[in-house]
Every structure is written in C-alpha cells, then in structure tokens.
N, C-alpha and C. Protein backbone atom coordinates (compact mmCIF):
# COMPACT_ATOMS: atom_id res chain seq x y z
N UNK A 1 103.30 -196.07 -24.24
CA UNK A 1 102.86 -196.39 -22.80
C UNK A 1 101.44 -197.07 -23.00
N UNK A 2 101.34 -198.27 -22.28
CA UNK A 2 100.12 -198.85 -22.24
C UNK A 2 99.29 -198.43 -20.84
N UNK A 3 98.50 -197.52 -20.87
CA UNK A 3 97.80 -196.96 -19.62
C UNK A 3 96.69 -197.93 -19.29
N UNK A 4 96.64 -198.44 -18.07
CA UNK A 4 95.80 -199.39 -17.51
C UNK A 4 95.88 -200.67 -18.15
N UNK A 5 97.20 -200.98 -18.48
CA UNK A 5 97.37 -202.15 -19.31
C UNK A 5 97.65 -203.48 -18.66
N UNK A 6 97.03 -203.56 -17.38
CA UNK A 6 96.98 -204.86 -16.46
C UNK A 6 98.27 -205.54 -16.50
N UNK A 7 98.07 -206.89 -16.95
CA UNK A 7 99.35 -207.73 -16.76
C UNK A 7 100.50 -207.47 -17.74
N UNK A 8 100.10 -206.72 -18.79
CA UNK A 8 101.13 -206.34 -19.82
C UNK A 8 101.10 -207.07 -21.09
N UNK A 9 100.05 -208.06 -21.15
CA UNK A 9 99.99 -208.96 -22.33
C UNK A 9 100.09 -208.13 -23.64
N UNK A 10 99.23 -207.13 -23.77
CA UNK A 10 99.16 -206.42 -25.18
C UNK A 10 100.53 -205.73 -25.29
N UNK A 11 101.09 -205.03 -24.31
CA UNK A 11 102.36 -204.32 -24.55
C UNK A 11 103.36 -205.36 -24.87
N UNK A 12 103.47 -206.67 -24.25
CA UNK A 12 104.37 -207.56 -24.61
C UNK A 12 104.31 -208.12 -26.03
N UNK A 13 103.06 -208.13 -26.55
CA UNK A 13 102.90 -208.55 -27.96
C UNK A 13 103.43 -207.42 -28.97
N UNK A 14 103.14 -206.16 -28.63
CA UNK A 14 103.61 -205.11 -29.35
C UNK A 14 105.13 -205.04 -29.38
N UNK A 15 105.74 -205.21 -28.25
CA UNK A 15 107.25 -205.23 -28.14
C UNK A 15 107.82 -206.34 -29.00
N UNK A 16 107.30 -207.56 -28.87
CA UNK A 16 107.75 -208.66 -29.62
C UNK A 16 107.65 -208.47 -31.13
N UNK A 17 106.55 -207.84 -31.52
CA UNK A 17 106.32 -207.53 -32.97
C UNK A 17 107.26 -206.47 -33.57
N UNK A 18 107.69 -205.59 -32.62
CA UNK A 18 108.46 -204.38 -33.06
C UNK A 18 109.62 -204.37 -32.05
N UNK A 19 110.80 -205.09 -32.43
CA UNK A 19 111.85 -205.04 -31.66
C UNK A 19 112.72 -203.71 -31.34
N UNK A 20 112.47 -202.78 -32.05
CA UNK A 20 113.08 -201.48 -31.84
C UNK A 20 112.29 -200.54 -30.89
N UNK A 21 111.25 -201.08 -30.51
CA UNK A 21 110.42 -200.14 -29.50
C UNK A 21 110.72 -200.45 -28.02
N UNK A 22 110.51 -199.50 -27.16
CA UNK A 22 110.46 -199.61 -25.75
C UNK A 22 109.15 -199.44 -25.32
N UNK A 23 108.78 -199.90 -24.12
CA UNK A 23 107.31 -199.65 -23.85
C UNK A 23 107.32 -199.42 -22.32
N UNK A 24 106.28 -198.83 -21.80
CA UNK A 24 105.91 -198.62 -20.39
C UNK A 24 104.50 -199.15 -20.06
N UNK A 25 104.48 -200.02 -19.09
CA UNK A 25 103.19 -200.44 -18.50
C UNK A 25 102.83 -199.51 -17.32
N UNK A 26 101.63 -198.74 -17.39
CA UNK A 26 101.28 -197.91 -16.36
C UNK A 26 99.94 -198.34 -15.85
N UNK A 27 99.97 -198.75 -14.50
CA UNK A 27 98.72 -199.05 -13.84
C UNK A 27 98.88 -198.86 -12.43
N UNK A 28 97.94 -199.38 -11.67
CA UNK A 28 97.92 -199.28 -10.21
C UNK A 28 99.02 -200.14 -9.71
N UNK A 29 99.60 -199.80 -8.50
CA UNK A 29 100.64 -200.52 -8.05
C UNK A 29 100.37 -201.98 -7.74
N UNK A 30 99.22 -202.21 -7.12
CA UNK A 30 98.86 -203.73 -6.97
C UNK A 30 98.72 -204.50 -8.19
N UNK A 31 98.32 -203.77 -9.42
CA UNK A 31 98.17 -204.43 -10.63
C UNK A 31 99.68 -204.57 -11.31
N UNK A 32 100.55 -203.77 -11.05
CA UNK A 32 101.88 -204.02 -11.48
C UNK A 32 102.66 -205.04 -10.75
N UNK A 33 102.43 -205.18 -9.53
CA UNK A 33 102.75 -206.29 -8.63
C UNK A 33 102.47 -207.60 -9.21
N UNK A 34 101.20 -207.80 -9.59
CA UNK A 34 100.59 -208.87 -10.30
C UNK A 34 101.31 -209.10 -11.71
N UNK A 35 101.46 -208.13 -12.42
CA UNK A 35 102.10 -208.08 -13.66
C UNK A 35 103.70 -208.62 -13.58
N UNK A 36 104.33 -208.09 -12.51
CA UNK A 36 105.74 -208.63 -12.32
C UNK A 36 105.65 -210.25 -12.12
N UNK A 37 104.76 -210.65 -11.25
CA UNK A 37 104.70 -212.08 -11.03
C UNK A 37 104.31 -212.77 -12.28
N UNK A 38 103.54 -212.21 -13.05
CA UNK A 38 103.04 -213.00 -14.26
C UNK A 38 104.27 -213.02 -15.47
N UNK A 39 105.11 -211.98 -15.48
CA UNK A 39 106.32 -211.93 -16.13
C UNK A 39 106.12 -211.98 -17.80
N UNK A 40 105.07 -211.46 -18.15
CA UNK A 40 104.87 -211.11 -19.60
C UNK A 40 105.87 -210.10 -20.09
N UNK A 41 106.24 -209.34 -19.36
CA UNK A 41 107.35 -208.29 -19.73
C UNK A 41 108.63 -208.71 -19.14
N UNK A 42 108.89 -209.87 -18.84
CA UNK A 42 110.13 -210.38 -18.34
C UNK A 42 110.92 -210.99 -19.49
N UNK A 43 111.95 -211.71 -19.15
CA UNK A 43 112.78 -212.38 -19.99
C UNK A 43 113.45 -211.42 -21.05
N UNK A 44 113.40 -211.77 -22.32
CA UNK A 44 114.01 -211.04 -23.43
C UNK A 44 113.47 -209.53 -23.52
N UNK A 45 112.27 -209.35 -22.92
CA UNK A 45 111.65 -207.98 -22.97
C UNK A 45 112.19 -207.17 -21.68
N UNK A 46 112.68 -207.68 -20.77
CA UNK A 46 112.98 -206.96 -19.58
C UNK A 46 113.85 -205.56 -19.82
N UNK A 47 114.71 -205.75 -20.58
CA UNK A 47 115.51 -204.42 -21.00
C UNK A 47 114.77 -203.37 -21.83
N UNK A 48 113.66 -203.73 -22.32
CA UNK A 48 112.89 -202.70 -23.13
C UNK A 48 111.53 -202.45 -22.63
N UNK A 49 111.27 -202.89 -21.47
CA UNK A 49 109.88 -202.52 -20.89
C UNK A 49 110.17 -202.10 -19.24
N UNK A 50 109.39 -201.02 -18.95
CA UNK A 50 109.32 -200.76 -17.49
C UNK A 50 107.96 -200.49 -17.03
N UNK A 51 107.83 -200.32 -15.75
CA UNK A 51 106.47 -200.14 -15.13
C UNK A 51 106.43 -199.04 -14.43
N UNK A 52 105.26 -198.11 -14.47
CA UNK A 52 105.11 -196.93 -13.69
C UNK A 52 103.73 -197.08 -13.02
N UNK A 53 103.93 -196.76 -11.59
CA UNK A 53 102.53 -196.64 -10.96
C UNK A 53 101.72 -195.51 -11.53
N UNK A 54 100.46 -195.73 -11.62
CA UNK A 54 99.51 -194.70 -12.27
C UNK A 54 98.06 -194.90 -11.63
N UNK A 55 97.61 -193.76 -11.51
CA UNK A 55 96.05 -193.58 -11.10
C UNK A 55 95.50 -192.62 -12.19
N UNK A 56 95.02 -193.17 -13.18
CA UNK A 56 94.67 -192.35 -14.50
C UNK A 56 93.58 -191.34 -14.06
N UNK A 57 92.98 -191.30 -12.94
CA UNK A 57 92.06 -190.22 -12.52
C UNK A 57 92.89 -189.02 -11.96
N UNK A 58 94.16 -189.23 -11.57
CA UNK A 58 94.91 -188.25 -11.02
C UNK A 58 96.28 -187.58 -11.91
N UNK A 59 96.81 -188.65 -12.46
CA UNK A 59 98.05 -188.25 -13.26
C UNK A 59 98.44 -189.38 -14.08
N UNK A 60 98.84 -189.17 -15.28
CA UNK A 60 99.27 -190.29 -16.21
C UNK A 60 100.77 -189.71 -16.45
N UNK A 61 101.81 -190.69 -16.26
CA UNK A 61 103.21 -190.35 -16.58
C UNK A 61 103.44 -189.79 -17.84
N UNK A 62 104.32 -188.98 -17.87
CA UNK A 62 104.76 -188.22 -19.18
C UNK A 62 105.98 -188.97 -19.61
N UNK A 63 106.43 -188.77 -20.68
CA UNK A 63 107.79 -189.38 -21.27
C UNK A 63 107.65 -190.35 -22.47
N UNK A 64 106.50 -190.55 -22.87
CA UNK A 64 106.42 -191.20 -24.17
C UNK A 64 105.69 -190.50 -25.18
N UNK A 65 105.79 -190.95 -26.47
CA UNK A 65 105.14 -190.20 -27.53
C UNK A 65 103.82 -190.95 -27.99
N UNK A 66 103.63 -192.26 -27.72
CA UNK A 66 102.35 -192.95 -27.95
C UNK A 66 101.88 -193.59 -26.68
N UNK A 67 100.51 -193.24 -26.45
CA UNK A 67 99.85 -193.78 -25.40
C UNK A 67 98.68 -194.52 -25.89
N UNK A 68 98.56 -195.83 -25.34
CA UNK A 68 97.66 -196.78 -25.70
C UNK A 68 96.56 -197.07 -24.43
N UNK A 69 95.47 -197.28 -24.84
CA UNK A 69 94.46 -197.69 -23.83
C UNK A 69 93.47 -198.66 -24.45
N UNK A 70 93.52 -199.94 -24.02
CA UNK A 70 92.63 -200.88 -24.59
C UNK A 70 91.45 -201.37 -23.60
N UNK A 71 90.33 -201.09 -24.06
CA UNK A 71 89.18 -201.46 -23.12
C UNK A 71 89.12 -200.75 -21.67
N UNK A 72 89.55 -199.51 -21.93
CA UNK A 72 89.69 -198.65 -20.68
C UNK A 72 88.38 -197.70 -20.57
N UNK A 73 88.32 -196.84 -21.63
CA UNK A 73 87.30 -195.87 -21.64
C UNK A 73 85.94 -196.30 -21.47
N UNK A 74 85.70 -197.57 -22.04
CA UNK A 74 84.29 -197.92 -21.99
C UNK A 74 83.83 -198.32 -20.65
N UNK A 75 84.73 -198.39 -19.60
CA UNK A 75 84.40 -198.66 -18.22
C UNK A 75 83.78 -197.59 -17.44
N UNK A 76 83.76 -196.31 -18.12
CA UNK A 76 83.42 -195.30 -17.46
C UNK A 76 82.45 -194.38 -18.00
N UNK A 77 81.74 -193.52 -17.22
CA UNK A 77 80.62 -192.61 -17.81
C UNK A 77 81.43 -191.41 -18.36
N UNK A 78 80.72 -190.49 -18.94
CA UNK A 78 81.30 -189.37 -19.71
C UNK A 78 82.18 -188.56 -18.73
N UNK A 79 81.81 -188.12 -17.64
CA UNK A 79 82.52 -187.36 -16.78
C UNK A 79 83.93 -188.02 -16.52
N UNK A 80 84.01 -189.28 -15.87
CA UNK A 80 85.16 -190.01 -15.57
C UNK A 80 85.97 -190.28 -16.86
N UNK A 81 85.42 -190.53 -17.86
CA UNK A 81 86.23 -190.81 -19.12
C UNK A 81 86.93 -189.61 -19.71
N UNK A 82 86.26 -188.34 -19.56
CA UNK A 82 86.72 -187.16 -19.81
C UNK A 82 88.05 -186.73 -19.00
N UNK A 83 87.90 -187.11 -17.60
CA UNK A 83 89.09 -186.86 -16.82
C UNK A 83 90.30 -187.77 -17.17
N UNK A 84 90.10 -189.04 -17.50
CA UNK A 84 91.05 -189.82 -17.97
C UNK A 84 91.77 -189.29 -19.17
N UNK A 85 90.97 -188.97 -20.22
CA UNK A 85 91.49 -188.49 -21.44
C UNK A 85 92.22 -187.24 -21.16
N UNK A 86 91.72 -186.26 -20.38
CA UNK A 86 92.39 -184.98 -20.03
C UNK A 86 93.66 -185.24 -19.43
N UNK A 87 93.78 -186.21 -18.66
CA UNK A 87 95.01 -186.51 -17.97
C UNK A 87 95.97 -187.03 -18.96
N UNK A 88 95.35 -187.80 -19.93
CA UNK A 88 96.26 -188.32 -21.06
C UNK A 88 96.79 -187.13 -21.86
N UNK A 89 96.01 -186.00 -22.04
CA UNK A 89 96.39 -184.98 -22.94
C UNK A 89 97.49 -184.29 -22.17
N UNK A 90 97.58 -184.21 -20.88
CA UNK A 90 98.39 -183.45 -20.19
C UNK A 90 99.88 -184.10 -20.31
N UNK A 91 99.90 -185.55 -20.50
CA UNK A 91 100.99 -186.29 -20.60
C UNK A 91 101.66 -186.38 -22.16
N UNK A 92 100.79 -186.38 -22.94
CA UNK A 92 101.16 -186.47 -24.39
C UNK A 92 101.78 -185.21 -25.10
N UNK A 93 102.93 -185.36 -25.57
CA UNK A 93 103.50 -184.24 -26.16
C UNK A 93 102.87 -183.79 -27.49
N UNK A 94 103.08 -182.52 -28.02
CA UNK A 94 102.47 -182.08 -29.00
C UNK A 94 102.64 -182.91 -30.29
N UNK A 95 103.52 -183.68 -30.54
CA UNK A 95 103.76 -184.68 -31.66
C UNK A 95 103.40 -186.09 -31.22
N UNK A 96 102.62 -186.25 -30.25
CA UNK A 96 102.24 -187.57 -29.74
C UNK A 96 100.96 -187.96 -30.37
N UNK A 97 100.53 -189.18 -29.91
CA UNK A 97 99.37 -189.79 -30.37
C UNK A 97 98.71 -190.60 -29.26
N UNK A 98 97.35 -190.50 -29.24
CA UNK A 98 96.61 -191.45 -28.37
C UNK A 98 95.94 -192.48 -29.13
N UNK A 99 96.05 -193.83 -28.83
CA UNK A 99 95.41 -194.94 -29.51
C UNK A 99 94.48 -195.48 -28.54
N UNK A 100 93.25 -195.56 -28.72
CA UNK A 100 92.16 -196.25 -28.02
C UNK A 100 91.74 -197.53 -28.71
N UNK A 101 91.79 -198.69 -28.04
CA UNK A 101 91.20 -199.87 -28.61
C UNK A 101 89.95 -200.10 -27.97
N UNK A 102 88.73 -200.01 -28.61
CA UNK A 102 87.29 -200.17 -28.06
C UNK A 102 86.60 -200.93 -29.04
N UNK A 103 85.41 -201.38 -28.59
CA UNK A 103 84.50 -202.08 -29.35
C UNK A 103 83.98 -201.16 -30.55
N UNK A 104 83.97 -201.67 -31.76
CA UNK A 104 83.16 -201.00 -32.87
C UNK A 104 81.80 -201.33 -32.84
N UNK A 105 80.89 -200.41 -32.62
CA UNK A 105 79.40 -200.62 -32.67
C UNK A 105 78.89 -201.11 -33.92
N UNK A 106 79.53 -200.80 -35.02
CA UNK A 106 79.14 -201.11 -36.26
C UNK A 106 77.90 -200.30 -36.66
N UNK A 107 77.00 -200.59 -37.69
CA UNK A 107 75.98 -199.85 -37.94
C UNK A 107 74.85 -200.05 -37.21
N UNK A 108 73.86 -199.15 -37.23
CA UNK A 108 72.60 -199.37 -36.48
C UNK A 108 71.96 -200.62 -37.01
N UNK A 109 71.26 -201.27 -35.95
CA UNK A 109 70.19 -202.41 -36.22
C UNK A 109 71.00 -203.52 -36.78
N UNK A 110 72.32 -203.69 -36.50
CA UNK A 110 73.28 -204.77 -37.14
C UNK A 110 73.84 -205.41 -35.79
N UNK A 111 73.60 -206.59 -35.44
CA UNK A 111 74.18 -207.26 -34.21
C UNK A 111 75.60 -207.28 -34.23
N UNK A 112 76.06 -206.96 -32.88
CA UNK A 112 77.63 -206.93 -32.64
C UNK A 112 77.89 -207.42 -31.34
N UNK A 113 79.06 -207.91 -30.95
CA UNK A 113 79.43 -208.10 -29.73
C UNK A 113 79.58 -206.77 -28.91
N UNK A 114 79.98 -205.70 -29.52
CA UNK A 114 80.03 -204.43 -28.95
C UNK A 114 78.76 -203.93 -28.22
N UNK A 115 77.61 -204.31 -28.96
CA UNK A 115 76.32 -203.66 -28.54
C UNK A 115 75.96 -204.63 -27.30
N UNK A 116 76.20 -205.97 -27.27
CA UNK A 116 76.13 -206.67 -26.12
C UNK A 116 76.88 -206.33 -24.92
N UNK A 117 78.13 -206.01 -25.14
CA UNK A 117 79.14 -205.44 -24.21
C UNK A 117 78.54 -204.17 -23.59
N UNK A 118 77.99 -203.30 -24.33
CA UNK A 118 77.42 -201.94 -24.01
C UNK A 118 76.40 -202.25 -22.86
N UNK A 119 75.52 -203.24 -22.92
CA UNK A 119 74.62 -203.38 -21.87
C UNK A 119 75.30 -203.99 -20.64
N UNK A 120 76.35 -204.85 -20.84
CA UNK A 120 77.09 -205.52 -19.72
C UNK A 120 77.77 -204.36 -18.96
N UNK A 121 78.42 -203.37 -19.79
CA UNK A 121 79.09 -202.28 -19.07
C UNK A 121 78.22 -201.44 -18.32
N UNK A 122 76.91 -201.06 -18.83
CA UNK A 122 76.06 -200.28 -18.23
C UNK A 122 75.68 -200.90 -16.90
N UNK A 123 75.44 -202.25 -16.91
CA UNK A 123 75.03 -202.85 -15.54
C UNK A 123 76.07 -202.98 -14.59
N UNK A 124 77.32 -203.39 -15.20
CA UNK A 124 78.37 -203.74 -14.09
C UNK A 124 79.12 -202.59 -13.64
N UNK A 125 79.50 -201.60 -14.65
CA UNK A 125 80.35 -200.35 -14.26
C UNK A 125 79.78 -199.06 -14.29
N UNK A 126 78.60 -198.95 -14.99
CA UNK A 126 77.96 -197.62 -15.30
C UNK A 126 78.66 -196.99 -16.61
N UNK A 127 79.68 -197.69 -17.06
CA UNK A 127 80.26 -197.31 -18.33
C UNK A 127 79.44 -197.72 -19.58
N UNK A 128 79.94 -197.43 -20.80
CA UNK A 128 79.24 -197.84 -22.01
C UNK A 128 80.14 -197.80 -23.19
N UNK A 129 79.65 -198.37 -24.24
CA UNK A 129 80.33 -198.42 -25.52
C UNK A 129 79.91 -197.11 -26.14
N UNK A 130 80.61 -196.69 -27.17
CA UNK A 130 80.21 -195.33 -27.72
C UNK A 130 80.40 -195.50 -29.30
N UNK A 131 79.56 -194.55 -29.94
CA UNK A 131 79.85 -194.79 -31.47
C UNK A 131 81.03 -193.90 -31.71
N UNK A 132 81.51 -193.73 -32.94
CA UNK A 132 82.66 -193.15 -33.40
C UNK A 132 82.43 -191.69 -33.25
N UNK A 133 81.31 -191.21 -33.63
CA UNK A 133 80.79 -189.86 -33.48
C UNK A 133 81.05 -189.37 -31.95
N UNK A 134 80.34 -190.27 -31.14
CA UNK A 134 80.58 -190.00 -29.59
C UNK A 134 81.98 -189.92 -29.21
N UNK A 135 82.75 -190.82 -29.67
CA UNK A 135 84.34 -190.72 -29.40
C UNK A 135 84.87 -189.48 -29.93
N UNK A 136 84.47 -189.01 -31.00
CA UNK A 136 84.99 -187.78 -31.55
C UNK A 136 84.61 -186.73 -30.70
N UNK A 137 83.38 -186.57 -30.13
CA UNK A 137 83.07 -185.40 -29.16
C UNK A 137 83.79 -185.47 -27.89
N UNK A 138 83.84 -186.88 -27.41
CA UNK A 138 84.37 -187.05 -26.07
C UNK A 138 85.91 -186.61 -26.18
N UNK A 139 86.56 -187.07 -27.27
CA UNK A 139 88.16 -186.73 -27.40
C UNK A 139 88.29 -185.21 -27.52
N UNK A 140 87.34 -184.54 -28.28
CA UNK A 140 87.39 -183.06 -28.61
C UNK A 140 87.42 -182.37 -27.13
N UNK A 141 86.43 -182.91 -26.33
CA UNK A 141 86.31 -182.28 -24.91
C UNK A 141 87.49 -182.32 -24.14
N UNK A 142 88.49 -183.21 -24.38
CA UNK A 142 89.58 -183.46 -23.59
C UNK A 142 90.84 -182.94 -24.35
N UNK A 143 90.74 -182.41 -25.41
CA UNK A 143 91.90 -181.73 -26.12
C UNK A 143 92.47 -182.61 -27.29
N UNK A 144 91.74 -183.62 -27.84
CA UNK A 144 92.17 -184.38 -28.89
C UNK A 144 91.41 -184.25 -30.03
N UNK A 145 92.00 -184.47 -31.33
CA UNK A 145 91.31 -184.63 -32.57
C UNK A 145 91.37 -186.01 -33.13
N UNK A 146 90.05 -186.62 -33.22
CA UNK A 146 90.11 -187.99 -33.87
C UNK A 146 90.52 -187.87 -35.22
N UNK A 147 91.59 -188.70 -35.43
CA UNK A 147 92.19 -188.58 -36.87
C UNK A 147 91.73 -189.73 -37.72
N UNK A 148 91.81 -191.02 -37.18
CA UNK A 148 91.58 -192.02 -38.02
C UNK A 148 90.97 -193.25 -37.22
N UNK A 149 90.10 -194.03 -37.83
CA UNK A 149 89.66 -195.26 -37.07
C UNK A 149 90.04 -196.55 -37.89
N UNK A 150 90.87 -197.44 -37.37
CA UNK A 150 91.21 -198.63 -37.92
C UNK A 150 90.37 -199.90 -37.45
N UNK A 151 89.42 -200.31 -38.26
CA UNK A 151 88.72 -201.47 -37.72
C UNK A 151 89.47 -202.67 -37.71
N UNK A 152 89.09 -203.76 -37.05
CA UNK A 152 89.93 -204.97 -36.90
C UNK A 152 88.85 -206.15 -37.15
N UNK A 153 89.37 -207.17 -37.39
CA UNK A 153 88.72 -208.48 -37.64
C UNK A 153 87.89 -208.96 -36.33
N UNK A 154 88.36 -208.51 -35.20
CA UNK A 154 87.65 -208.90 -33.99
C UNK A 154 86.57 -208.09 -33.47
N UNK A 155 86.11 -207.20 -34.33
CA UNK A 155 85.11 -206.13 -33.97
C UNK A 155 85.62 -205.05 -33.03
N UNK A 156 86.93 -204.96 -32.92
CA UNK A 156 87.33 -203.85 -32.17
C UNK A 156 87.77 -202.71 -33.09
N UNK A 157 87.99 -201.53 -32.75
CA UNK A 157 88.35 -200.43 -33.54
C UNK A 157 89.55 -199.87 -32.92
N UNK A 158 90.61 -199.42 -33.58
CA UNK A 158 91.77 -198.87 -33.06
C UNK A 158 91.57 -197.18 -33.48
N UNK A 159 91.31 -196.30 -32.44
CA UNK A 159 91.04 -194.99 -32.68
C UNK A 159 92.29 -194.20 -32.33
N UNK A 160 92.73 -193.56 -33.49
CA UNK A 160 93.88 -192.78 -33.47
C UNK A 160 93.49 -191.13 -33.19
N UNK A 161 94.03 -190.68 -32.26
CA UNK A 161 93.73 -189.24 -31.85
C UNK A 161 94.94 -188.51 -31.77
N UNK A 162 95.03 -187.13 -32.10
CA UNK A 162 96.11 -186.24 -31.97
C UNK A 162 95.91 -185.18 -31.12
N UNK A 163 96.80 -184.56 -30.31
CA UNK A 163 96.48 -183.48 -29.64
C UNK A 163 96.14 -182.26 -30.28
N UNK A 164 95.26 -181.36 -29.88
CA UNK A 164 94.86 -180.14 -30.51
C UNK A 164 95.26 -179.04 -29.63
C-alpha cells in the first residue's frame, strides 16, 4: 500500500518492475479522483491496482503486508508524524513492514539536498527532515523497530521498519 501516494506514479513503477505484486493507492478522495484522471495505475495495471480513500490522521486501511510512504513524514512535526506512524502500526500485520522513503541528511557539515529541503519544510509546512537516529526514536514511539536503512543514489534513504 502506498499511503499518501498522490497520483500513483511510484506505485505504478513498483508494479511494473514486479509483475507478481498487487498494490493499493491510499490517499484523500480528491487526490484519488485526480489519480484516476492521470491513469498511472490504469491500462495493464488496472487489474493489479486499487484505490482506497484514506485520511492518515484518522485511519489507514488494513489488508496489505507492506506499507510505503515517500516524502510524507517530513511534512509533519513530531506529534503529527507520530499519529501517522501509529495509524500505520494499527494497519500493519505482525509480519508486515513499513518502508519510508525520505531524504538522507548524510554526515554533519556535509552539504546535501536533504539539508536544503529541511529548511524549506520548516518554512512551508512546519515539518522537517530527520536524522536516522531521530527516525529510530520516532518509529519506536509509534510501535516500530528501525531494521535497516538503504541509501539511494538520489540522496534518499529507504527506511525499513518492523512492528514491535
């Protein structure tokens, strides 16, 4: 399930790369309406993709084993981020996984896009970028254990977390 997945571009690419998977795009109803119009999950993916309305501050749909959020948590302060993650925890089964894709801040005193975006997020949304230690603490407060971090060439990190 791609939670807060917008138009479904990321989910469509995952489904194209892995023909045996099925996926769910979960977002607000008006966003899903736009996603249907854009048709990234249409055509040959239509039989393997579905859409579920979701307000992640209230409830996240259950029924999947893997839950993915790309550039969602950085939009929110600690309290709001914890609510979103706690709602994910309620939906994710014991053998499930949460995958967060967020900016990797890299080492201290090393320039990075993530550090620039950190300032932008603070000004625009009140959110912020977090270090991996900060993600570890935030995830633990919502019932997850950070298992592994996979850096990417684009300065993003894929953070794998398991329910505790």
